[in-house]
Amino acid sequence: MRRVTLTLFHLTTHLARVSFPEWQPKFGSMPIADVISIEDESTFVRSSYAGNALQKVKSTDSVKFVTIRPTSFDKVGAGGSAAVEEIAPAGESGLSKWIADEVDTSGKPDLGSARVVISGGRGLKNGDNFKMLYDLADKIGNCAVGATRAVVDSNWVANDLQVGQTGKIVAPELYIAVGLSGAIQHLAGMKDSKVICCVNTDGEAPIFSVSDYGLEADLFQALPEIQNSL
């Protein structure tokens, strides 16, 4: 009898991190997370140690649960020959209840799809100063605002702005890092950006080592000058 295999893919998001561990034990499957390359139907390359090491994983599970980093794969065109089958959902189990979808109606670009991302760190000193980033983002256009984990943990900005290993993984055409040192956890979420620029008073900060362009300056003087020049 031919063995049937099934691979379930999901983006590396909070939803996948929460739901996949609940489903995997029912199938006796091991998770394969943060996949950046697919070699064949059973072999995957995944990122580990905040992107400092790569693992090649071969799975013999009949049902595979795989989360992928979308920034590691090229966009595909429309069309394709895969069959699409519509399956009616099962009835409610009573264990959970859908209440409502909260949709962002601000019109601001999404972190995952924006052409430019400008992120702030503790160098901004408080949450009110993030207005400087929003103003600059509006001037640039198609630009989203992000933040470091330290900033989010300090409640300066909302959690959905966090860029990094435990936040969102982004790879825009231009990434601007303002007032952030470049912790490994943060670099894991943005180092695939096409061009990286930074503004920091500390020229020895790790962020300079991954930046294509760096400005050693006080952000409170540099940002207004940059905005006025646009």
C-alpha atoms as a PDB file:
ATOM      1  CA  MET A   1       0.000   0.000   0.000  1.00  0.00           C
ATOM      2  CA  ARG A   2       1.293   3.426  -0.954  1.00  0.00           C
ATOM      3  CA  ARG A   3       2.087   5.612   2.037  1.00  0.00           C
ATOM      4  CA  VAL A   4       0.306   8.957   1.908  1.00  0.00           C
ATOM      5  CA  THR A   5       2.216  11.947   3.246  1.00  0.00           C
ATOM      6  CA  LEU A   6       0.915  15.397   4.052  1.00  0.00           C
ATOM      7  CA  THR A   7       2.899  18.571   4.717  1.00  0.00           C
ATOM      8  CA  LEU A   8       1.216  21.514   6.411  1.00  0.00           C
ATOM      9  CA  PHE A   9       2.980  24.837   5.863  1.00  0.00           C
ATOM     10  CA  HIS A  10       2.446  28.013   7.804  1.00  0.00           C
ATOM     11  CA  LEU A  11       4.329  31.283   8.106  1.00  0.00           C
ATOM     12  CA  THR A  12       6.501  31.690  11.187  1.00  0.00           C
ATOM     13  CA  THR A  13       3.909  33.635  13.162  1.00  0.00           C
ATOM     14  CA  HIS A  14       2.433  33.665  16.647  1.00  0.00           C
ATOM     15  CA  LEU A  15      -0.557  31.664  15.375  1.00  0.00           C
ATOM     16  CA  ALA A  16       1.683  28.855  14.124  1.00  0.00           C
ATOM     17  CA  ARG A  17       3.725  28.826  17.327  1.00  0.00           C
ATOM     18  CA  VAL A  18       0.542  28.393  19.355  1.00  0.00           C
ATOM     19  CA  SER A  19      -1.484  26.016  17.166  1.00  0.00           C
ATOM     20  CA  PHE A  20       1.109  23.616  15.739  1.00  0.00           C
ATOM     21  CA  PRO A  21       2.261  22.260  19.146  1.00  0.00           C
ATOM     22  CA  GLU A  22      -1.372  21.364  19.871  1.00  0.00           C
ATOM     23  CA  TRP A  23      -1.787  19.382  16.642  1.00  0.00           C
ATOM     24  CA  GLN A  24       1.589  17.642  16.367  1.00  0.00           C
ATOM     25  CA  PRO A  25       1.191  15.145  19.241  1.00  0.00           C
ATOM     26  CA  LYS A  26      -2.031  13.837  17.695  1.00  0.00           C
ATOM     27  CA  PHE A  27      -0.035  12.702  14.640  1.00  0.00           C
ATOM     28  CA  GLY A  28       3.178  11.763  16.424  1.00  0.00           C
ATOM     29  CA  SER A  29       5.032  14.412  14.402  1.00  0.00           C
ATOM     30  CA  MET A  30       8.009  16.591  15.231  1.00  0.00           C
ATOM     31  CA  PRO A  31       7.887  20.326  14.405  1.00  0.00           C
ATOM     32  CA  ILE A  32      10.174  21.811  11.763  1.00  0.00           C
ATOM     33  CA  ALA A  33      10.357  25.532  12.432  1.00  0.00           C
ATOM     34  CA  ASP A  34      11.898  28.560  10.709  1.00  0.00           C
ATOM     35  CA  VAL A  35      12.512  26.822   7.376  1.00  0.00           C
ATOM     36  CA  ILE A  36      14.478  28.949   4.907  1.00  0.00           C
ATOM     37  CA  SER A  37      14.927  26.386   2.106  1.00  0.00           C
ATOM     38  CA  ILE A  38      13.162  23.254   0.840  1.00  0.00           C
ATOM     39  CA  GLU A  39      15.355  20.655  -0.863  1.00  0.00           C
ATOM     40  CA  ASP A  40      12.713  17.972  -1.465  1.00  0.00           C
ATOM     41  CA  GLU A  41       9.462  16.709   0.043  1.00  0.00           C
ATOM     42  CA  SER A  42      11.264  15.417   3.150  1.00  0.00           C
ATOM     43  CA  THR A  43      14.375  17.606   3.497  1.00  0.00           C
ATOM     44  CA  PHE A  44      14.371  21.140   4.855  1.00  0.00           C
ATOM     45  CA  VAL A  45      16.973  23.716   5.876  1.00  0.00           C
ATOM     46  CA  ARG A  46      16.094  25.734   8.962  1.00  0.00           C
ATOM     47  CA  SER A  47      17.624  28.638  10.815  1.00  0.00           C
ATOM     48  CA  SER A  48      18.722  28.250  14.427  1.00  0.00           C
ATOM     49  CA  TYR A  49      20.630  30.181  17.089  1.00  0.00           C
ATOM     50  CA  ALA A  50      19.166  33.477  15.860  1.00  0.00           C
ATOM     51  CA  GLY A  51      20.357  32.765  12.326  1.00  0.00           C
ATOM     52  CA  ASN A  52      23.958  31.988  13.306  1.00  0.00           C
ATOM     53  CA  ALA A  53      23.637  28.303  12.358  1.00  0.00           C
ATOM     54  CA  LEU A  54      21.736  26.305   9.749  1.00  0.00           C
ATOM     55  CA  GLN A  55      20.338  22.806  10.211  1.00  0.00           C
ATOM     56  CA  LYS A  56      19.420  20.373   7.453  1.00  0.00           C
ATOM     57  CA  VAL A  57      16.487  18.282   8.652  1.00  0.00           C
ATOM     58  CA  LYS A  58      15.081  15.148   7.016  1.00  0.00           C
ATOM     59  CA  SER A  59      11.658  14.079   8.249  1.00  0.00           C
ATOM     60  CA  THR A  60      10.019  10.680   7.779  1.00  0.00           C
ATOM     61  CA  ASP A  61       6.770  11.727   9.493  1.00  0.00           C
ATOM     62  CA  SER A  62       3.665  10.996   7.456  1.00  0.00           C
ATOM     63  CA  VAL A  63       2.249  14.381   8.510  1.00  0.00           C
ATOM     64  CA  LYS A  64       4.786  17.195   8.669  1.00  0.00           C
ATOM     65  CA  PHE A  65       4.236  20.511  10.415  1.00  0.00           C
ATOM     66  CA  VAL A  66       6.503  23.161   8.888  1.00  0.00           C
ATOM     67  CA  THR A  67       6.757  26.890   9.553  1.00  0.00           C
ATOM     68  CA  ILE A  68       8.615  28.976   6.975  1.00  0.00           C
ATOM     69  CA  ARG A  69      10.268  32.367   6.890  1.00  0.00           C
ATOM     70  CA  PRO A  70       8.565  34.134   3.982  1.00  0.00           C
ATOM     71  CA  THR A  71      11.474  36.536   3.574  1.00  0.00           C
ATOM     72  CA  SER A  72      13.680  33.602   2.488  1.00  0.00           C
ATOM     73  CA  PHE A  73      11.549  32.704  -0.537  1.00  0.00           C
ATOM     74  CA  ASP A  74      10.989  34.554  -3.789  1.00  0.00           C
ATOM     75  CA  LYS A  75       7.492  35.643  -4.693  1.00  0.00           C
ATOM     76  CA  VAL A  76       5.704  33.412  -7.189  1.00  0.00           C
ATOM     77  CA  GLY A  77       3.493  34.547 -10.007  1.00  0.00           C
ATOM     78  CA  ALA A  78      -0.206  33.929 -10.370  1.00  0.00           C
ATOM     79  CA  GLY A  79      -1.521  30.657 -11.724  1.00  0.00           C
ATOM     80  CA  GLY A  80      -0.263  27.130 -11.125  1.00  0.00           C
ATOM     81  CA  SER A  81      -1.511  23.618 -11.730  1.00  0.00           C
ATOM     82  CA  ALA A  82      -2.216  22.494  -8.165  1.00  0.00           C
ATOM     83  CA  ALA A  83      -5.720  21.203  -7.548  1.00  0.00           C
ATOM     84  CA  VAL A  84      -7.850  23.194  -5.124  1.00  0.00           C
ATOM     85  CA  GLU A  85     -10.445  21.313  -3.129  1.00  0.00           C
ATOM     86  CA  GLU A  86     -13.003  23.027  -0.946  1.00  0.00           C
ATOM     87  CA  ILE A  87     -13.691  21.243   2.349  1.00  0.00           C
ATOM     88  CA  ALA A  88     -16.644  22.082   4.537  1.00  0.00           C
ATOM     89  CA  PRO A  89     -15.591  22.984   8.103  1.00  0.00           C
ATOM     90  CA  ALA A  90     -16.547  20.696  10.947  1.00  0.00           C
ATOM     91  CA  GLY A  91     -19.029  21.835  13.548  1.00  0.00           C
ATOM     92  CA  GLU A  92     -17.921  23.838  16.563  1.00  0.00           C
ATOM     93  CA  SER A  93     -16.268  21.782  19.295  1.00  0.00           C
ATOM     94  CA  GLY A  94     -17.341  24.086  22.076  1.00  0.00           C
ATOM     95  CA  LEU A  95     -13.736  24.440  23.253  1.00  0.00           C
ATOM     96  CA  SER A  96     -13.283  27.858  21.658  1.00  0.00           C
ATOM     97  CA  LYS A  97     -15.461  30.628  20.313  1.00  0.00           C
ATOM     98  CA  TRP A  98     -14.899  33.163  17.543  1.00  0.00           C
ATOM     99  CA  ILE A  99     -15.733  36.665  18.781  1.00  0.00           C
ATOM    100  CA  ALA A 100     -14.506  39.152  16.199  1.00  0.00           C
ATOM    101  CA  ASP A 101     -11.701  40.059  13.812  1.00  0.00           C
ATOM    102  CA  GLU A 102      -9.774  43.204  14.690  1.00  0.00           C
ATOM    103  CA  VAL A 103      -8.655  44.855  11.467  1.00  0.00           C
ATOM    104  CA  ASP A 104      -6.172  47.709  11.314  1.00  0.00           C
ATOM    105  CA  THR A 105      -7.990  50.578   9.621  1.00  0.00           C
ATOM    106  CA  SER A 106      -5.211  53.152  10.046  1.00  0.00           C
ATOM    107  CA  GLY A 107      -4.070  52.711   6.454  1.00  0.00           C
ATOM    108  CA  LYS A 108      -0.449  52.353   7.570  1.00  0.00           C
ATOM    109  CA  PRO A 109       1.730  49.863   5.637  1.00  0.00           C
ATOM    110  CA  ASP A 110       2.142  46.411   7.150  1.00  0.00           C
ATOM    111  CA  LEU A 111       5.573  45.543   8.529  1.00  0.00           C
ATOM    112  CA  GLY A 112       5.746  42.368   6.496  1.00  0.00           C
ATOM    113  CA  SER A 113       5.050  43.984   3.122  1.00  0.00           C
ATOM    114  CA  ALA A 114       6.305  47.586   3.389  1.00  0.00           C
ATOM    115  CA  ARG A 115       9.037  48.679   0.957  1.00  0.00           C
ATOM    116  CA  VAL A 116      10.811  50.546   3.760  1.00  0.00           C
ATOM    117  CA  VAL A 117      10.901  49.838   7.507  1.00  0.00           C
ATOM    118  CA  ILE A 118      12.203  52.293  10.101  1.00  0.00           C
ATOM    119  CA  SER A 119      12.689  50.812  13.569  1.00  0.00           C
ATOM    120  CA  GLY A 120      13.459  52.490  16.856  1.00  0.00           C
ATOM    121  CA  GLY A 121      15.219  51.331  20.000  1.00  0.00           C
ATOM    122  CA  ARG A 122      15.824  52.573  23.511  1.00  0.00           C
ATOM    123  CA  GLY A 123      17.821  55.479  22.134  1.00  0.00           C
ATOM    124  CA  LEU A 124      14.501  57.225  21.496  1.00  0.00           C
ATOM    125  CA  LYS A 125      14.193  57.478  25.317  1.00  0.00           C
ATOM    126  CA  ASN A 126      10.380  57.182  25.466  1.00  0.00           C
ATOM    127  CA  GLY A 127       7.324  56.194  23.481  1.00  0.00           C
ATOM    128  CA  ASP A 128       6.312  59.755  22.666  1.00  0.00           C
ATOM    129  CA  ASN A 129       9.431  60.200  20.573  1.00  0.00           C
ATOM    130  CA  PHE A 130       8.273  57.451  18.203  1.00  0.00           C
ATOM    131  CA  LYS A 131       6.223  60.213  16.589  1.00  0.00           C
ATOM    132  CA  MET A 132       9.492  61.242  14.926  1.00  0.00           C
ATOM    133  CA  LEU A 133       9.610  57.847  13.204  1.00  0.00           C
ATOM    134  CA  TYR A 134       5.956  57.992  12.157  1.00  0.00           C
ATOM    135  CA  ASP A 135       6.428  61.464  10.695  1.00  0.00           C
ATOM    136  CA  LEU A 136       9.486  60.328   8.750  1.00  0.00           C
ATOM    137  CA  ALA A 137       7.687  57.175   7.588  1.00  0.00           C
ATOM    138  CA  ASP A 138       4.815  59.282   6.222  1.00  0.00           C
ATOM    139  CA  LYS A 139       7.315  61.478   4.367  1.00  0.00           C
ATOM    140  CA  ILE A 140       9.101  58.467   2.824  1.00  0.00           C
ATOM    141  CA  GLY A 141       5.924  56.651   1.749  1.00  0.00           C
ATOM    142  CA  ASN A 142       5.167  52.908   1.840  1.00  0.00           C
ATOM    143  CA  CYS A 143       7.175  52.850   5.048  1.00  0.00           C
ATOM    144  CA  ALA A 144       6.260  50.930   8.206  1.00  0.00           C
ATOM    145  CA  VAL A 145       7.462  51.577  11.752  1.00  0.00           C
ATOM    146  CA  GLY A 146       9.030  48.818  13.838  1.00  0.00           C
ATOM    147  CA  ALA A 147      10.632  48.492  17.250  1.00  0.00           C
ATOM    148  CA  THR A 148      12.986  46.382  19.323  1.00  0.00           C
ATOM    149  CA  ARG A 149      11.918  43.913  21.979  1.00  0.00           C
ATOM    150  CA  ALA A 150      13.236  46.181  24.751  1.00  0.00           C
ATOM    151  CA  VAL A 151      10.969  48.981  23.533  1.00  0.00           C
ATOM    152  CA  VAL A 152       7.943  46.702  23.366  1.00  0.00           C
ATOM    153  CA  ASP A 153       8.660  45.262  26.817  1.00  0.00           C
ATOM    154  CA  SER A 154       8.778  48.833  28.148  1.00  0.00           C
ATOM    155  CA  ASN A 155       5.261  49.406  26.707  1.00  0.00           C
ATOM    156  CA  TRP A 156       6.445  52.304  24.553  1.00  0.00           C
ATOM    157  CA  VAL A 157       4.710  50.831  21.482  1.00  0.00           C
ATOM    158  CA  ALA A 158       2.354  47.966  20.667  1.00  0.00           C
ATOM    159  CA  ASN A 159       3.605  44.376  20.554  1.00  0.00           C
ATOM    160  CA  ASP A 160       2.795  43.974  16.839  1.00  0.00           C
ATOM    161  CA  LEU A 161       5.594  46.441  16.002  1.00  0.00           C
ATOM    162  CA  GLN A 162       8.325  44.170  17.352  1.00  0.00           C
ATOM    163  CA  VAL A 163      10.946  43.103  14.828  1.00  0.00           C
ATOM    164  CA  GLY A 164      13.201  40.198  15.757  1.00  0.00           C
ATOM    165  CA  GLN A 165      13.476  36.513  16.484  1.00  0.00           C
ATOM    166  CA  THR A 166      10.406  36.539  18.740  1.00  0.00           C
ATOM    167  CA  GLY A 167       8.648  39.231  16.722  1.00  0.00           C
ATOM    168  CA  LYS A 168       8.192  39.749  12.997  1.00  0.00           C
ATOM    169  CA  ILE A 169      10.737  38.746  10.368  1.00  0.00           C
ATOM    170  CA  VAL A 170      11.101  41.450   7.716  1.00  0.00           C
ATOM    171  CA  ALA A 171      13.194  41.909   4.572  1.00  0.00           C
ATOM    172  CA  PRO A 172      12.291  45.276   3.022  1.00  0.00           C
ATOM    173  CA  GLU A 173      14.215  47.042   0.278  1.00  0.00           C
ATOM    174  CA  LEU A 174      15.450  49.519   2.899  1.00  0.00           C
ATOM    175  CA  TYR A 175      15.711  49.050   6.664  1.00  0.00           C
ATOM    176  CA  ILE A 176      16.521  52.083   8.821  1.00  0.00           C
ATOM    177  CA  ALA A 177      17.633  51.342  12.394  1.00  0.00           C
ATOM    178  CA  VAL A 178      17.382  54.344  14.712  1.00  0.00           C
ATOM    179  CA  GLY A 179      18.734  54.411  18.242  1.00  0.00           C
ATOM    180  CA  LEU A 180      19.098  50.649  18.548  1.00  0.00           C
ATOM    181  CA  SER A 181      22.284  48.753  19.309  1.00  0.00           C
ATOM    182  CA  GLY A 182      21.653  45.651  17.203  1.00  0.00           C
ATOM    183  CA  ALA A 183      21.087  42.793  19.649  1.00  0.00           C
ATOM    184  CA  ILE A 184      21.331  39.307  18.116  1.00  0.00           C
ATOM    185  CA  GLN A 185      17.628  38.757  18.714  1.00  0.00           C
ATOM    186  CA  HIS A 186      16.784  41.874  16.679  1.00  0.00           C
ATOM    187  CA  LEU A 187      19.277  41.192  13.892  1.00  0.00           C
ATOM    188  CA  ALA A 188      17.687  37.777  13.318  1.00  0.00           C
ATOM    189  CA  GLY A 189      14.509  39.539  12.253  1.00  0.00           C
ATOM    190  CA  MET A 190      15.915  42.081   9.780  1.00  0.00           C
ATOM    191  CA  LYS A 191      19.349  41.067   8.502  1.00  0.00           C
ATOM    192  CA  ASP A 192      17.915  39.820   5.186  1.00  0.00           C
ATOM    193  CA  SER A 193      16.910  43.389   4.273  1.00  0.00           C
ATOM    194  CA  LYS A 194      18.265  44.504   0.891  1.00  0.00           C
ATOM    195  CA  VAL A 195      19.872  47.702   2.255  1.00  0.00           C
ATOM    196  CA  ILE A 196      20.409  48.502   5.948  1.00  0.00           C
ATOM    197  CA  CYS A 197      21.074  51.982   7.329  1.00  0.00           C
ATOM    198  CA  CYS A 198      21.537  52.990  10.952  1.00  0.00           C
ATOM    199  CA  VAL A 199      21.730  56.102  13.118  1.00  0.00           C
ATOM    200  CA  ASN A 200      23.442  55.710  16.486  1.00  0.00           C
ATOM    201  CA  THR A 201      25.729  57.758  18.720  1.00  0.00           C
ATOM    202  CA  ASP A 202      27.836  54.662  19.491  1.00  0.00           C
ATOM    203  CA  GLY A 203      30.010  53.870  16.494  1.00  0.00           C
ATOM    204  CA  GLU A 204      30.964  50.525  18.084  1.00  0.00           C
ATOM    205  CA  ALA A 205      27.355  49.286  18.310  1.00  0.00           C
ATOM    206  CA  PRO A 206      26.772  45.875  16.620  1.00  0.00           C
ATOM    207  CA  ILE A 207      24.216  47.388  14.258  1.00  0.00           C
ATOM    208  CA  PHE A 208      27.056  49.063  12.331  1.00  0.00           C
ATOM    209  CA  SER A 209      28.561  45.658  11.494  1.00  0.00           C
ATOM    210  CA  VAL A 210      25.499  44.644   9.464  1.00  0.00           C
ATOM    211  CA  SER A 211      24.679  48.067   8.014  1.00  0.00           C
ATOM    212  CA  ASP A 212      25.474  49.146   4.476  1.00  0.00           C
ATOM    213  CA  TYR A 213      25.418  52.788   5.587  1.00  0.00           C
ATOM    214  CA  GLY A 214      25.895  54.092   9.112  1.00  0.00           C
ATOM    215  CA  LEU A 215      25.563  57.561  10.614  1.00  0.00           C
ATOM    216  CA  GLU A 216      27.271  58.120  13.966  1.00  0.00           C
ATOM    217  CA  ALA A 217      25.152  60.979  15.228  1.00  0.00           C
ATOM    218  CA  ASP A 218      22.501  62.086  17.702  1.00  0.00           C
ATOM    219  CA  LEU A 219      19.171  60.862  16.311  1.00  0.00           C
ATOM    220  CA  PHE A 220      17.368  63.914  17.717  1.00  0.00           C
ATOM    221  CA  GLN A 221      19.472  66.094  15.428  1.00  0.00           C
ATOM    222  CA  ALA A 222      19.803  63.700  12.501  1.00  0.00           C
ATOM    223  CA  LEU A 223      16.143  62.722  11.992  1.00  0.00           C
ATOM    224  CA  PRO A 224      14.809  66.294  11.567  1.00  0.00           C
ATOM    225  CA  GLU A 225      17.621  67.017   9.107  1.00  0.00           C
ATOM    226  CA  ILE A 226      16.846  63.854   7.137  1.00  0.00           C
ATOM    227  CA  GLN A 227      13.138  64.673   7.051  1.00  0.00           C
ATOM    228  CA  ASN A 228      13.761  68.259   5.918  1.00  0.00           C
ATOM    229  CA  SER A 229      15.953  67.006   3.097  1.00  0.00           C
ATOM    230  CA  LEU A 230      13.211  64.757   1.642  1.00  0.00           C
END
